[in-house]
Amino acid sequence: MLTLAVSAPAIASEYGISTYRPGLMDLFAGYMAPPGTMVVKNYFLFQDARGDALTANGFIQAHTHTVTYTGATFAAYVTPWRILGSNWAFGGIVQTRLAEQSLRAGPAGHLSHQTSTVAGFGDLIFSPCLLSWSFGRFHLMSSLMFYAPTGGYDRHRIINIGTNRWAVEPDLGLTWMDDETGRHFSAFLGYTINTANTETHYRSGDEFHADFVMAQHLRHGLVLGIAGYALQQITPDSGTGDAFGAFEGRVIALGPLLGATVKIGKFPINFCFKYDFEFAARNRSTGNELWLTAAYRF
């Protein structure tokens, strides 16, 4: 009971898991494909993170080490129908995850140790409406995302691959692209509104996130740049299951980005590699992560 009490509520957002996966969006975050196009983007993410938690009186402490592998596929279809001067599109993200966490928790000097491994489908993310507008070099995209608690969850585990909470998130994607010089800037901003976990009666606070990338497009389809993200919890955690009080989380990340476009058959595939270094973390686990993505449209 002591271990579960520390591992769940003592860090920002329940189990220290943000609803939105920071770093998900990068190049061309504000751009949408032409009408009638299906866009598919496959992600692979490896993260190695550590976290520490301590109660206000310093009596109970916890130390975690988590390794996570995530595979996700984003698919969107751009319809010929127009709304507010933009073609209406819809899409969603399906993800699978493998996570292992080791936890040492208890009174100072008497820590117990647990390890848990879980694998399966993560929460489903879907957007019934994506809209996009172009103004020369500047591109703007808006979306409304919903997070459904379809991922594997058991409140008795020290780690889960699902959050067991619904969430809604308005997003705004921005891209500035100079075709002559190859200079590129993209940002993806969102505000996540979380509902309560019905199993634990714990409501994670709302979160603001911003993914960004500055890049230079080179010859032969190569791209070099710097990518990163920032996440700040705006409202405190709450609910009857919040036994340790408000823990508003924060994290920032930066790292190199390398991209390349390779034509396989008739389809050009955009590959992207990122390695993010997290820092300035507060009230959440933090570590480094490797991203590999492949995007194409047809």
Protein backbone atom coordinates (compact mmCIF):
# COMPACT_ATOMS: atom_id res chain seq x y z
CA MET A 1 0.00 0.00 0.00
CA LEU A 2 2.85 2.34 0.83
CA THR A 3 4.57 1.63 -2.49
CA LEU A 4 1.41 2.27 -4.50
CA ALA A 5 0.70 5.49 -2.65
CA VAL A 6 4.11 6.90 -3.50
CA SER A 7 4.39 5.65 -7.08
CA ALA A 8 1.03 6.97 -8.24
CA PRO A 9 0.30 10.42 -6.81
CA ALA A 10 3.65 11.81 -5.70
CA ILE A 11 4.65 13.14 -9.11
CA ALA A 12 2.87 15.44 -11.52
CA SER A 13 0.06 13.90 -13.56
CA GLU A 14 -0.98 10.49 -12.34
CA TYR A 15 1.92 8.00 -12.60
CA GLY A 16 3.99 10.86 -14.03
CA ILE A 17 2.55 10.21 -17.51
CA SER A 18 1.49 13.17 -19.61
CA THR A 19 -1.53 12.64 -21.82
CA TYR A 20 0.23 14.15 -24.83
CA ARG A 21 3.57 12.58 -25.76
CA PRO A 22 5.95 15.60 -25.99
CA GLY A 23 8.03 15.59 -29.17
CA LEU A 24 5.38 13.87 -31.29
CA MET A 25 5.27 16.66 -33.89
CA ASP A 26 8.24 18.21 -35.68
CA LEU A 27 8.81 19.03 -39.38
CA PHE A 28 5.81 20.51 -41.25
CA ALA A 29 3.64 20.64 -38.12
CA GLY A 30 1.47 23.33 -39.77
CA TYR A 31 1.19 21.73 -43.21
CA MET A 32 -1.57 19.47 -44.52
CA ALA A 33 -1.46 17.44 -47.73
CA PRO A 34 -3.68 18.16 -50.77
CA PRO A 35 -7.29 16.91 -50.93
CA GLY A 36 -7.80 13.21 -51.50
CA THR A 37 -4.49 12.32 -49.89
CA MET A 38 -3.94 9.73 -47.18
CA VAL A 39 -1.03 10.63 -44.90
CA VAL A 40 0.68 7.95 -42.81
CA LYS A 41 3.43 8.54 -40.27
CA ASN A 42 5.04 5.72 -38.31
CA TYR A 43 6.88 6.41 -35.05
CA PHE A 44 9.35 4.46 -32.98
CA LEU A 45 10.34 5.89 -29.60
CA PHE A 46 12.83 4.64 -27.03
CA GLN A 47 12.98 6.44 -23.68
CA ASP A 48 15.16 5.87 -20.61
CA ALA A 49 13.92 7.96 -17.69
CA ARG A 50 14.45 8.32 -13.96
CA GLY A 51 12.41 10.06 -11.32
CA ASP A 52 12.47 10.83 -7.61
CA ALA A 53 9.63 11.75 -5.26
CA LEU A 54 9.57 12.88 -1.64
CA THR A 55 6.70 13.74 0.69
CA ALA A 56 6.57 17.16 2.30
CA ASN A 57 7.82 15.86 5.66
CA GLY A 58 10.62 13.90 3.98
CA PHE A 59 9.48 10.63 5.57
CA ILE A 60 8.51 8.68 2.42
CA GLN A 61 10.66 8.66 -0.70
CA ALA A 62 10.60 6.90 -4.07
CA HIS A 63 13.11 6.36 -6.86
CA THR A 64 12.05 5.03 -10.28
CA HIS A 65 13.82 3.88 -13.44
CA THR A 66 11.67 3.38 -16.53
CA VAL A 67 12.51 2.07 -20.00
CA THR A 68 9.80 2.44 -22.65
CA TYR A 69 9.50 1.31 -26.27
CA THR A 70 6.63 2.82 -28.26
CA GLY A 71 5.48 2.12 -31.80
CA ALA A 72 2.74 4.37 -33.17
CA THR A 73 1.03 5.00 -36.49
CA PHE A 74 -0.69 8.26 -37.39
CA ALA A 75 -3.07 8.19 -40.36
CA ALA A 76 -5.16 11.06 -41.75
CA TYR A 77 -7.35 11.52 -44.80
CA VAL A 78 -7.86 14.91 -46.47
CA THR A 79 -11.38 15.15 -47.88
CA PRO A 80 -12.49 17.34 -50.80
CA TRP A 81 -15.09 19.07 -48.58
CA ARG A 82 -14.26 22.55 -47.34
CA ILE A 83 -14.85 24.24 -43.97
CA LEU A 84 -13.87 27.88 -43.34
CA GLY A 85 -11.78 27.93 -46.50
CA SER A 86 -9.89 24.73 -45.63
CA ASN A 87 -10.26 21.15 -46.72
CA TRP A 88 -11.62 19.07 -43.87
CA ALA A 89 -9.44 16.18 -42.72
CA PHE A 90 -9.70 13.59 -39.97
CA GLY A 91 -7.29 11.10 -38.48
CA GLY A 92 -6.02 9.18 -35.50
CA ILE A 93 -3.05 7.55 -33.79
CA VAL A 94 -2.83 3.89 -32.75
CA GLN A 95 0.07 2.92 -30.52
CA THR A 96 1.63 -0.14 -28.89
CA ARG A 97 3.98 0.06 -25.93
CA LEU A 98 6.39 -2.03 -23.92
CA ALA A 99 7.42 -0.54 -20.58
CA GLU A 100 9.50 -1.73 -17.66
CA GLN A 101 9.82 0.12 -14.39
CA SER A 102 11.80 -0.56 -11.25
CA LEU A 103 10.74 1.21 -8.07
CA ARG A 104 12.39 1.64 -4.69
CA ALA A 105 10.02 3.23 -2.19
CA GLY A 106 9.27 3.49 1.51
CA PRO A 107 10.44 5.28 4.65
CA ALA A 108 13.95 6.73 4.44
CA GLY A 109 16.50 3.99 5.00
CA HIS A 110 13.96 1.17 4.58
CA LEU A 111 13.15 1.15 0.87
CA SER A 112 11.41 -1.83 -0.71
CA HIS A 113 12.02 -2.80 -4.35
CA GLN A 114 9.55 -3.75 -7.09
CA THR A 115 9.83 -4.32 -10.83
CA SER A 116 6.99 -4.45 -13.33
CA THR A 117 6.84 -5.04 -17.09
CA VAL A 118 3.76 -4.46 -19.22
CA ALA A 119 3.08 -4.52 -22.98
CA GLY A 120 0.08 -3.94 -25.24
CA PHE A 121 -1.97 -1.23 -26.87
CA GLY A 122 -1.75 2.33 -25.61
CA ASP A 123 -4.53 4.90 -25.52
CA LEU A 124 -6.25 5.72 -28.81
CA ILE A 125 -5.92 9.30 -30.06
CA PHE A 126 -8.35 10.56 -32.70
CA SER A 127 -9.19 13.87 -34.33
CA PRO A 128 -12.56 14.35 -36.06
CA CYS A 129 -11.46 17.69 -37.50
CA LEU A 130 -8.19 19.00 -38.91
CA LEU A 131 -8.15 22.28 -40.85
CA SER A 132 -5.26 23.98 -42.63
CA TRP A 133 -4.54 27.29 -44.38
CA SER A 134 -1.54 28.50 -46.39
CA PHE A 135 -0.31 32.09 -46.72
CA GLY A 136 2.71 31.93 -49.00
CA ARG A 137 5.62 30.66 -46.93
CA PHE A 138 3.47 30.43 -43.81
CA HIS A 139 1.22 27.43 -43.10
CA LEU A 140 -1.28 27.05 -40.27
CA MET A 141 -3.14 23.95 -39.06
CA SER A 142 -5.69 23.54 -36.28
CA SER A 143 -7.04 20.33 -34.81
CA LEU A 144 -9.14 18.99 -31.97
CA MET A 145 -7.76 15.81 -30.45
CA PHE A 146 -9.50 13.32 -28.18
CA TYR A 147 -7.72 10.74 -26.02
CA ALA A 148 -9.67 7.55 -25.29
CA PRO A 149 -8.60 5.28 -22.35
CA THR A 150 -8.18 2.13 -24.43
CA GLY A 151 -4.67 1.25 -23.21
CA GLY A 152 -3.86 -1.51 -20.76
CA TYR A 153 -4.42 -0.37 -17.19
CA ASP A 154 -4.43 -1.91 -13.72
CA ARG A 155 -4.36 0.39 -10.70
CA HIS A 156 -2.40 -2.21 -8.72
CA ARG A 157 0.58 -2.05 -11.11
CA ILE A 158 3.41 0.40 -10.53
CA ILE A 159 3.43 1.27 -14.27
CA ASN A 160 0.76 1.27 -16.97
CA ILE A 161 0.65 1.80 -20.72
CA GLY A 162 -2.79 3.41 -20.51
CA THR A 163 -3.89 6.41 -18.45
CA ASN A 164 -7.50 5.33 -17.78
CA ARG A 165 -8.65 8.91 -18.33
CA TRP A 166 -10.33 10.79 -21.16
CA ALA A 167 -8.86 14.05 -22.40
CA VAL A 168 -9.57 16.69 -25.03
CA GLU A 169 -6.95 18.92 -26.61
CA PRO A 170 -7.16 21.88 -29.03
CA ASP A 171 -3.94 22.17 -31.04
CA LEU A 172 -2.33 24.68 -33.37
CA GLY A 173 0.46 23.82 -35.83
CA LEU A 174 2.67 26.46 -37.47
CA THR A 175 5.19 26.08 -40.29
CA TRP A 176 7.33 28.70 -42.03
CA MET A 177 9.20 27.35 -45.05
CA ASP A 178 11.42 29.26 -47.48
CA ASP A 179 11.77 27.11 -50.59
CA GLU A 180 14.60 29.27 -51.96
CA THR A 181 16.93 29.11 -48.95
CA GLY A 182 15.65 25.85 -47.45
CA ARG A 183 15.14 27.42 -44.03
CA HIS A 184 12.37 25.87 -41.99
CA PHE A 185 10.65 26.54 -38.68
CA SER A 186 7.74 24.57 -37.22
CA ALA A 187 5.91 24.62 -33.90
CA PHE A 188 3.01 22.62 -32.51
CA LEU A 189 1.10 24.05 -29.54
CA GLY A 190 -1.60 22.34 -27.51
CA TYR A 191 -3.57 22.56 -24.28
CA THR A 192 -4.64 19.23 -22.75
CA ILE A 193 -7.73 19.10 -20.53
CA ASN A 194 -7.73 15.89 -18.49
CA THR A 195 -10.68 14.17 -16.82
CA ALA A 196 -10.47 12.09 -13.64
CA ASN A 197 -9.32 8.49 -13.48
CA THR A 198 -12.48 6.66 -12.38
CA GLU A 199 -10.48 3.86 -10.73
CA THR A 200 -8.38 6.06 -8.44
CA HIS A 201 -10.52 9.25 -8.40
CA TYR A 202 -7.38 11.19 -9.31
CA ARG A 203 -7.65 14.13 -11.72
CA SER A 204 -4.40 15.11 -13.42
CA GLY A 205 -3.95 18.82 -14.00
CA ASP A 206 -4.27 20.48 -17.41
CA GLU A 207 -1.07 20.75 -19.46
CA PHE A 208 0.36 23.11 -22.06
CA HIS A 209 2.89 21.70 -24.51
CA ALA A 210 4.96 23.11 -27.37
CA ASP A 211 7.00 21.05 -29.86
CA PHE A 212 9.37 22.98 -32.12
CA VAL A 213 12.07 22.52 -34.75
CA MET A 214 14.50 24.79 -36.61
CA ALA A 215 15.98 23.13 -39.69
CA GLN A 216 17.89 23.64 -42.89
CA HIS A 217 16.86 21.70 -46.00
CA LEU A 218 19.89 20.66 -48.07
CA ARG A 219 20.38 19.06 -51.47
CA HIS A 220 19.36 15.47 -52.18
CA GLY A 221 16.51 15.59 -49.65
CA LEU A 222 18.67 15.94 -46.54
CA VAL A 223 17.55 17.99 -43.52
CA LEU A 224 19.62 19.12 -40.52
CA GLY A 225 18.17 20.87 -37.51
CA ILE A 226 17.49 21.21 -33.81
CA ALA A 227 14.24 19.95 -32.32
CA GLY A 228 12.78 20.07 -28.85
CA TYR A 229 9.74 20.54 -26.71
CA ALA A 230 8.47 22.13 -23.52
CA LEU A 231 5.66 20.92 -21.26
CA GLN A 232 4.21 22.84 -18.34
CA GLN A 233 1.35 21.68 -16.15
CA ILE A 234 -1.01 24.64 -15.74
CA THR A 235 -3.45 23.48 -13.05
CA PRO A 236 -2.68 21.29 -10.00
CA ASP A 237 -3.64 17.66 -9.64
CA SER A 238 -6.84 17.15 -7.65
CA GLY A 239 -9.56 14.67 -6.69
CA THR A 240 -10.17 12.45 -3.70
CA GLY A 241 -7.33 10.16 -4.81
CA ASP A 242 -4.81 13.02 -4.63
CA ALA A 243 -3.42 12.15 -1.21
CA PHE A 244 -0.15 14.10 -1.48
CA GLY A 245 -1.35 17.48 -2.78
CA ALA A 246 -0.67 19.44 -5.96
CA PHE A 247 2.41 18.56 -8.01
CA GLU A 248 2.63 20.70 -11.15
CA GLY A 249 5.12 19.19 -13.59
CA ARG A 250 7.47 20.68 -16.14
CA VAL A 251 10.12 19.48 -18.58
CA ILE A 252 12.15 20.92 -21.49
CA ALA A 253 14.10 19.01 -24.15
CA LEU A 254 16.51 19.80 -26.99
CA GLY A 255 18.42 17.65 -29.43
CA PRO A 256 19.67 17.14 -32.99
CA LEU A 257 17.40 16.26 -35.91
CA LEU A 258 18.42 14.55 -39.13
CA GLY A 259 16.03 13.94 -42.00
CA ALA A 260 16.20 12.36 -45.44
CA THR A 261 13.77 11.71 -48.29
CA VAL A 262 14.12 8.38 -50.06
CA LYS A 263 12.01 7.37 -53.05
CA ILE A 264 10.85 3.75 -52.92
CA GLY A 265 8.96 2.88 -56.08
CA LYS A 266 6.58 5.76 -56.77
CA PHE A 267 6.40 6.89 -53.15
CA PRO A 268 8.86 9.32 -51.55
CA ILE A 269 9.28 8.43 -47.86
CA ASN A 270 10.45 11.05 -45.38
CA PHE A 271 12.66 9.58 -42.67
CA CYS A 272 13.52 11.53 -39.52
CA PHE A 273 15.87 10.85 -36.62
CA LYS A 274 15.82 12.81 -33.33
CA TYR A 275 17.64 12.43 -30.04
CA ASP A 276 16.24 14.57 -27.23
CA PHE A 277 18.01 15.50 -23.99
CA GLU A 278 15.54 16.44 -21.25
CA PHE A 279 16.38 19.03 -18.59
CA ALA A 280 14.75 21.51 -16.20
CA ALA A 281 12.35 18.76 -15.11
CA ARG A 282 10.19 19.25 -12.05
CA ASN A 283 7.84 16.76 -10.37
CA ARG A 284 8.14 14.13 -13.10
CA SER A 285 10.54 11.51 -14.40
CA THR A 286 13.11 12.67 -16.91
CA GLY A 287 15.64 11.11 -19.30
CA ASN A 288 16.86 10.92 -22.87
CA GLU A 289 14.92 9.55 -25.83
CA LEU A 290 15.45 8.39 -29.38
CA TRP A 291 12.86 9.04 -32.12
CA LEU A 292 12.69 7.39 -35.54
CA THR A 293 9.86 8.28 -37.93
CA ALA A 294 8.86 7.45 -41.49
CA ALA A 295 6.15 9.47 -43.25
CA TYR A 296 4.57 9.08 -46.68
CA ARG A 297 1.40 9.99 -48.50
CA PHE A 298 -0.59 8.50 -51.35
